[in-house]
PDB file of all heavy atoms in Angstrom:
ATOM      1  N   MET A   1       2.604  -1.897   8.104  1.00  0.00           N
ATOM      2  CA  MET A   1       3.380  -1.038   7.214  1.00  0.00           C
ATOM      3  C   MET A   1       4.904  -1.070   7.523  1.00  0.00           C
ATOM      4  O   MET A   1       5.685  -1.069   6.642  1.00  0.00           O
ATOM      5  CB  MET A   1       2.798   0.338   7.265  1.00  0.00           C
ATOM      6  CG  MET A   1       1.365   0.431   6.836  1.00  0.00           C
ATOM      7  SD  MET A   1       1.158  -0.125   5.047  1.00  0.00           S
ATOM      8  CE  MET A   1       1.255   1.411   4.232  1.00  0.00           C
ATOM      9  N   ARG A   2       5.183  -1.084   8.817  1.00  0.00           N
ATOM     10  CA  ARG A   2       6.635  -1.075   9.156  1.00  0.00           C
ATOM     11  C   ARG A   2       7.311  -2.414   8.876  1.00  0.00           C
ATOM     12  O   ARG A   2       8.436  -2.440   8.406  1.00  0.00           O
ATOM     13  CB  ARG A   2       6.823  -0.652  10.663  1.00  0.00           C
ATOM     14  CG  ARG A   2       6.643   0.716  10.922  1.00  0.00           C
ATOM     15  CD  ARG A   2       7.068   1.182  12.310  1.00  0.00           C
ATOM     16  NE  ARG A   2       7.051   2.538  12.503  1.00  0.00           N
ATOM     17  CZ  ARG A   2       6.018   3.312  12.991  1.00  0.00           C
ATOM     18  NH1 ARG A   2       4.892   2.611  13.378  1.00  0.00           N
ATOM     19  NH2 ARG A   2       5.993   4.565  13.155  1.00  0.00           N
ATOM     20  N   SER A   3       6.623  -3.505   9.106  1.00  0.00           N
ATOM     21  CA  SER A   3       7.288  -4.836   8.832  1.00  0.00           C
ATOM     22  C   SER A   3       7.346  -5.041   7.281  1.00  0.00           C
ATOM     23  O   SER A   3       8.303  -5.629   6.833  1.00  0.00           O
ATOM     24  CB  SER A   3       6.483  -5.955   9.512  1.00  0.00           C
ATOM     25  OG  SER A   3       5.152  -5.920   9.289  1.00  0.00           O
ATOM     26  N   GLY A   4       6.312  -4.531   6.551  1.00  0.00           N
ATOM     27  CA  GLY A   4       6.465  -4.630   5.080  1.00  0.00           C
ATOM     28  C   GLY A   4       7.566  -3.722   4.587  1.00  0.00           C
ATOM     29  O   GLY A   4       8.333  -4.090   3.675  1.00  0.00           O
ATOM     30  N   TYR A   5       7.652  -2.537   5.141  1.00  0.00           N
ATOM     31  CA  TYR A   5       8.675  -1.534   4.705  1.00  0.00           C
ATOM     32  C   TYR A   5      10.048  -2.091   4.914  1.00  0.00           C
ATOM     33  O   TYR A   5      11.083  -1.760   4.173  1.00  0.00           O
ATOM     34  CB  TYR A   5       8.496  -0.273   5.437  1.00  0.00           C
ATOM     35  CG  TYR A   5       9.306   0.887   4.926  1.00  0.00           C
ATOM     36  CD1 TYR A   5       8.913   1.603   3.821  1.00  0.00           C
ATOM     37  CD2 TYR A   5      10.473   1.304   5.576  1.00  0.00           C
ATOM     38  CE1 TYR A   5       9.680   2.724   3.419  1.00  0.00           C
ATOM     39  CE2 TYR A   5      11.288   2.355   5.152  1.00  0.00           C
ATOM     40  CZ  TYR A   5      10.830   3.109   3.963  1.00  0.00           C
ATOM     41  OH  TYR A   5      11.554   4.159   3.584  1.00  0.00           O
ATOM     42  N   ALA A   6      10.236  -2.932   6.020  1.00  0.00           N
ATOM     43  CA  ALA A   6      11.533  -3.551   6.277  1.00  0.00           C
ATOM     44  C   ALA A   6      12.030  -4.383   5.074  1.00  0.00           C
ATOM     45  O   ALA A   6      13.205  -4.636   4.920  1.00  0.00           O
ATOM     46  CB  ALA A   6      11.497  -4.296   7.551  1.00  0.00           C
ATOM     47  N   ARG A   7      11.044  -4.924   4.311  1.00  0.00           N
ATOM     48  CA  ARG A   7      11.407  -5.665   3.106  1.00  0.00           C
ATOM     49  C   ARG A   7      11.767  -4.812   1.889  1.00  0.00           C
ATOM     50  O   ARG A   7      12.416  -5.259   0.975  1.00  0.00           O
ATOM     51  CB  ARG A   7      10.175  -6.509   2.662  1.00  0.00           C
ATOM     52  CG  ARG A   7       9.608  -7.433   3.697  1.00  0.00           C
ATOM     53  CD  ARG A   7       8.289  -8.027   3.186  1.00  0.00           C
ATOM     54  NE  ARG A   7       7.700  -8.802   4.214  1.00  0.00           N
ATOM     55  CZ  ARG A   7       8.016 -10.127   4.502  1.00  0.00           C
ATOM     56  NH1 ARG A   7       8.956 -10.699   3.780  1.00  0.00           N
ATOM     57  NH2 ARG A   7       7.444 -10.750   5.470  1.00  0.00           N
ATOM     58  N   GLY A   8      11.332  -3.517   1.944  1.00  0.00           N
ATOM     59  CA  GLY A   8      11.541  -2.623   0.845  1.00  0.00           C
ATOM     60  C   GLY A   8      10.440  -1.563   0.783  1.00  0.00           C
ATOM     61  O   GLY A   8       9.338  -1.816   1.159  1.00  0.00           O
ATOM     62  N   ASP A   9      10.828  -0.333   0.378  1.00  0.00           N
ATOM     63  CA  ASP A   9       9.885   0.793   0.421  1.00  0.00           C
ATOM     64  C   ASP A   9       8.776   0.647  -0.518  1.00  0.00           C
ATOM     65  O   ASP A   9       7.725   1.286  -0.365  1.00  0.00           O
ATOM     66  CB  ASP A   9      10.619   2.080   0.206  1.00  0.00           C
ATOM     67  CG  ASP A   9      11.328   2.267  -1.177  1.00  0.00           C
ATOM     68  OD1 ASP A   9      11.305   1.289  -1.938  1.00  0.00           O
ATOM     69  OD2 ASP A   9      11.874   3.293  -1.431  1.00  0.00           O
ATOM     70  N   ALA A  10       8.868  -0.196  -1.595  1.00  0.00           N
ATOM     71  CA  ALA A  10       7.760  -0.379  -2.530  1.00  0.00           C
ATOM     72  C   ALA A  10       6.501  -0.892  -1.853  1.00  0.00           C
ATOM     73  O   ALA A  10       5.383  -0.697  -2.360  1.00  0.00           O
ATOM     74  CB  ALA A  10       8.153  -1.313  -3.679  1.00  0.00           C
ATOM     75  N   TRP A  11       6.625  -1.515  -0.707  1.00  0.00           N
ATOM     76  CA  TRP A  11       5.541  -2.105   0.005  1.00  0.00           C
ATOM     77  C   TRP A  11       4.450  -1.050   0.296  1.00  0.00           C
ATOM     78  O   TRP A  11       3.218  -1.277   0.039  1.00  0.00           O
ATOM     79  CB  TRP A  11       6.036  -2.734   1.291  1.00  0.00           C
ATOM     80  CG  TRP A  11       4.939  -3.295   2.194  1.00  0.00           C
ATOM     81  CD1 TRP A  11       4.236  -2.618   3.095  1.00  0.00           C
ATOM     82  CD2 TRP A  11       4.432  -4.640   2.223  1.00  0.00           C
ATOM     83  NE1 TRP A  11       3.330  -3.414   3.812  1.00  0.00           N
ATOM     84  CE2 TRP A  11       3.459  -4.651   3.231  1.00  0.00           C
ATOM     85  CE3 TRP A  11       4.740  -5.771   1.558  1.00  0.00           C
ATOM     86  CZ2 TRP A  11       2.750  -5.794   3.532  1.00  0.00           C
ATOM     87  CZ3 TRP A  11       3.988  -6.951   1.826  1.00  0.00           C
ATOM     88  CH2 TRP A  11       3.034  -6.952   2.828  1.00  0.00           C
ATOM     89  N   VAL A  12       4.864   0.076   0.858  1.00  0.00           N
ATOM     90  CA  VAL A  12       3.886   1.081   1.268  1.00  0.00           C
ATOM     91  C   VAL A  12       3.191   1.647   0.091  1.00  0.00           C
ATOM     92  O   VAL A  12       1.972   2.008   0.116  1.00  0.00           O
ATOM     93  CB  VAL A  12       4.496   2.190   2.199  1.00  0.00           C
ATOM     94  CG1 VAL A  12       5.150   1.578   3.433  1.00  0.00           C
ATOM     95  CG2 VAL A  12       5.546   3.036   1.341  1.00  0.00           C
ATOM     96  N   TYR A  13       3.861   1.843  -1.047  1.00  0.00           N
ATOM     97  CA  TYR A  13       3.197   2.400  -2.267  1.00  0.00           C
ATOM     98  C   TYR A  13       2.167   1.392  -2.769  1.00  0.00           C
ATOM     99  O   TYR A  13       1.074   1.806  -3.196  1.00  0.00           O
ATOM    100  CB  TYR A  13       4.236   2.586  -3.375  1.00  0.00           C
ATOM    101  CG  TYR A  13       5.145   3.723  -2.995  1.00  0.00           C
ATOM    102  CD1 TYR A  13       6.286   3.533  -2.194  1.00  0.00           C
ATOM    103  CD2 TYR A  13       4.917   5.025  -3.451  1.00  0.00           C
ATOM    104  CE1 TYR A  13       7.128   4.559  -1.864  1.00  0.00           C
ATOM    105  CE2 TYR A  13       5.796   6.089  -3.148  1.00  0.00           C
ATOM    106  CZ  TYR A  13       6.907   5.871  -2.370  1.00  0.00           C
ATOM    107  OH  TYR A  13       7.747   6.918  -2.051  1.00  0.00           O
ATOM    108  N   LEU A  14       2.475   0.085  -2.756  1.00  0.00           N
ATOM    109  CA  LEU A  14       1.520  -0.936  -3.153  1.00  0.00           C
ATOM    110  C   LEU A  14       0.232  -0.996  -2.307  1.00  0.00           C
ATOM    111  O   LEU A  14      -0.902  -0.935  -2.766  1.00  0.00           O
ATOM    112  CB  LEU A  14       2.164  -2.274  -3.172  1.00  0.00           C
ATOM    113  CG  LEU A  14       1.295  -3.509  -3.536  1.00  0.00           C
ATOM    114  CD1 LEU A  14       0.649  -3.325  -4.919  1.00  0.00           C
ATOM    115  CD2 LEU A  14       2.074  -4.827  -3.386  1.00  0.00           C
ATOM    116  N   VAL A  15       0.491  -0.989  -0.950  1.00  0.00           N
ATOM    117  CA  VAL A  15      -0.700  -1.049   0.003  1.00  0.00           C
ATOM    118  C   VAL A  15      -1.529   0.198  -0.158  1.00  0.00           C
ATOM    119  O   VAL A  15      -2.764   0.093  -0.249  1.00  0.00           O
ATOM    120  CB  VAL A  15      -0.177  -1.197   1.401  1.00  0.00           C
ATOM    121  CG1 VAL A  15      -1.339  -1.054   2.425  1.00  0.00           C
ATOM    122  CG2 VAL A  15       0.501  -2.565   1.632  1.00  0.00           C
ATOM    123  N   ILE A  16      -0.965   1.334  -0.180  1.00  0.00           N
ATOM    124  CA  ILE A  16      -1.720   2.590  -0.251  1.00  0.00           C
ATOM    125  C   ILE A  16      -2.437   2.719  -1.575  1.00  0.00           C
ATOM    126  O   ILE A  16      -3.675   3.065  -1.652  1.00  0.00           O
ATOM    127  CB  ILE A  16      -0.815   3.804   0.028  1.00  0.00           C
ATOM    128  CG1 ILE A  16      -0.412   3.793   1.500  1.00  0.00           C
ATOM    129  CG2 ILE A  16      -1.477   5.097  -0.361  1.00  0.00           C
ATOM    130  CD1 ILE A  16       0.651   4.821   1.889  1.00  0.00           C
ATOM    131  N   ALA A  17      -1.768   2.474  -2.733  1.00  0.00           N
ATOM    132  CA  ALA A  17      -2.481   2.507  -3.944  1.00  0.00           C
ATOM    133  C   ALA A  17      -3.626   1.500  -4.073  1.00  0.00           C
ATOM    134  O   ALA A  17      -4.669   1.766  -4.691  1.00  0.00           O
ATOM    135  CB  ALA A  17      -1.477   2.293  -5.074  1.00  0.00           C
ATOM    136  N   HIS A  18      -3.428   0.307  -3.450  1.00  0.00           N
ATOM    137  CA  HIS A  18      -4.501  -0.700  -3.469  1.00  0.00           C
ATOM    138  C   HIS A  18      -5.738  -0.198  -2.639  1.00  0.00           C
ATOM    139  O   HIS A  18      -6.871  -0.325  -3.206  1.00  0.00           O
ATOM    140  CB  HIS A  18      -3.962  -1.999  -2.868  1.00  0.00           C
ATOM    141  CG  HIS A  18      -4.970  -3.094  -2.627  1.00  0.00           C
ATOM    142  ND1 HIS A  18      -5.205  -4.061  -3.575  1.00  0.00           N
ATOM    143  CD2 HIS A  18      -5.876  -3.234  -1.706  1.00  0.00           C
ATOM    144  CE1 HIS A  18      -6.224  -4.825  -3.148  1.00  0.00           C
ATOM    145  NE2 HIS A  18      -6.576  -4.394  -2.009  1.00  0.00           N
ATOM    146  N   GLU A  19      -5.505   0.331  -1.466  1.00  0.00           N
ATOM    147  CA  GLU A  19      -6.621   0.720  -0.672  1.00  0.00           C
ATOM    148  C   GLU A  19      -7.381   1.975  -1.315  1.00  0.00           C
ATOM    149  O   GLU A  19      -8.604   2.083  -1.225  1.00  0.00           O
ATOM    150  CB  GLU A  19      -6.164   1.016   0.785  1.00  0.00           C
ATOM    151  CG  GLU A  19      -5.723  -0.127   1.543  1.00  0.00           C
ATOM    152  CD  GLU A  19      -6.692  -1.366   1.499  1.00  0.00           C
ATOM    153  OE1 GLU A  19      -7.899  -1.105   1.429  1.00  0.00           O
ATOM    154  OE2 GLU A  19      -6.201  -2.513   1.622  1.00  0.00           O
ATOM    155  N   TRP A  20      -6.608   2.802  -1.925  1.00  0.00           N
ATOM    156  CA  TRP A  20      -7.198   3.896  -2.646  1.00  0.00           C
ATOM    157  C   TRP A  20      -8.048   3.412  -3.823  1.00  0.00           C
ATOM    158  O   TRP A  20      -9.076   4.022  -4.149  1.00  0.00           O
ATOM    159  CB  TRP A  20      -6.101   4.914  -3.244  1.00  0.00           C
ATOM    160  CG  TRP A  20      -6.373   6.278  -3.043  1.00  0.00           C
ATOM    161  CD1 TRP A  20      -7.183   7.101  -3.758  1.00  0.00           C
ATOM    162  CD2 TRP A  20      -5.764   7.193  -2.031  1.00  0.00           C
ATOM    163  NE1 TRP A  20      -7.155   8.374  -3.265  1.00  0.00           N
ATOM    164  CE2 TRP A  20      -6.284   8.466  -2.237  1.00  0.00           C
ATOM    165  CE3 TRP A  20      -4.791   6.986  -1.079  1.00  0.00           C
ATOM    166  CZ2 TRP A  20      -5.903   9.550  -1.512  1.00  0.00           C
ATOM    167  CZ3 TRP A  20      -4.450   8.099  -0.257  1.00  0.00           C
ATOM    168  CH2 TRP A  20      -4.987   9.355  -0.460  1.00  0.00           C
ATOM    169  N   GLY A  21      -7.601   2.311  -4.386  1.00  0.00           N
ATOM    170  CA  GLY A  21      -8.396   1.652  -5.452  1.00  0.00           C
ATOM    171  C   GLY A  21      -9.793   1.313  -4.960  1.00  0.00           C
ATOM    172  O   GLY A  21     -10.788   1.452  -5.709  1.00  0.00           O
ATOM    173  N   HIS A  22      -9.901   0.831  -3.657  1.00  0.00           N
ATOM    174  CA  HIS A  22     -11.237   0.580  -3.162  1.00  0.00           C
ATOM    175  C   HIS A  22     -12.069   1.849  -2.989  1.00  0.00           C
ATOM    176  O   HIS A  22     -13.301   1.823  -3.143  1.00  0.00           O
ATOM    177  CB  HIS A  22     -11.105  -0.115  -1.786  1.00  0.00           C
ATOM    178  CG  HIS A  22     -10.625  -1.541  -1.968  1.00  0.00           C
ATOM    179  ND1 HIS A  22     -11.270  -2.500  -2.748  1.00  0.00           N
ATOM    180  CD2 HIS A  22      -9.582  -2.184  -1.317  1.00  0.00           C
ATOM    181  CE1 HIS A  22     -10.633  -3.661  -2.669  1.00  0.00           C
ATOM    182  NE2 HIS A  22      -9.613  -3.520  -1.821  1.00  0.00           N
ATOM    183  N   ALA A  23     -11.410   2.981  -2.600  1.00  0.00           N
ATOM    184  CA  ALA A  23     -12.076   4.275  -2.513  1.00  0.00           C
ATOM    185  C   ALA A  23     -12.604   4.629  -3.844  1.00  0.00           C
ATOM    186  O   ALA A  23     -13.690   5.239  -4.027  1.00  0.00           O
ATOM    187  CB  ALA A  23     -11.170   5.290  -1.969  1.00  0.00           C
ATOM    188  N   ILE A  24     -11.804   4.383  -4.947  1.00  0.00           N
ATOM    189  CA  ILE A  24     -12.310   4.703  -6.272  1.00  0.00           C
ATOM    190  C   ILE A  24     -13.504   3.839  -6.625  1.00  0.00           C
ATOM    191  O   ILE A  24     -14.485   4.367  -7.211  1.00  0.00           O
ATOM    192  CB  ILE A  24     -11.167   4.473  -7.335  1.00  0.00           C
ATOM    193  CG1 ILE A  24      -9.978   5.385  -6.974  1.00  0.00           C
ATOM    194  CG2 ILE A  24     -11.624   4.637  -8.707  1.00  0.00           C
ATOM    195  CD1 ILE A  24     -10.351   6.860  -7.021  1.00  0.00           C
ATOM    196  N   GLN A  25     -13.464   2.549  -6.321  1.00  0.00           N
ATOM    197  CA  GLN A  25     -14.545   1.664  -6.584  1.00  0.00           C
ATOM    198  C   GLN A  25     -15.882   2.206  -5.924  1.00  0.00           C
ATOM    199  O   GLN A  25     -16.972   2.133  -6.525  1.00  0.00           O
ATOM    200  CB  GLN A  25     -14.282   0.247  -6.072  1.00  0.00           C
ATOM    201  CG  GLN A  25     -13.240  -0.511  -6.873  1.00  0.00           C
ATOM    202  CD  GLN A  25     -12.795  -1.742  -6.213  1.00  0.00           C
ATOM    203  OE1 GLN A  25     -12.797  -1.826  -4.979  1.00  0.00           O
ATOM    204  NE2 GLN A  25     -12.417  -2.733  -6.963  1.00  0.00           N
ATOM    205  N   ALA A  26     -15.754   2.714  -4.710  1.00  0.00           N
ATOM    206  CA  ALA A  26     -16.927   3.260  -3.996  1.00  0.00           C
ATOM    207  C   ALA A  26     -17.518   4.523  -4.672  1.00  0.00           C
ATOM    208  O   ALA A  26     -18.652   4.821  -4.379  1.00  0.00           O
ATOM    209  CB  ALA A  26     -16.541   3.584  -2.575  1.00  0.00           C
TER     210      ALA A  26
END
């Protein structure tokens, strides 16, 4: 998360929303 965030803050929003998507699938 920190190395991705160094590229830009949108990284953490994408990762978190994606993993939450798997929780929704479950």
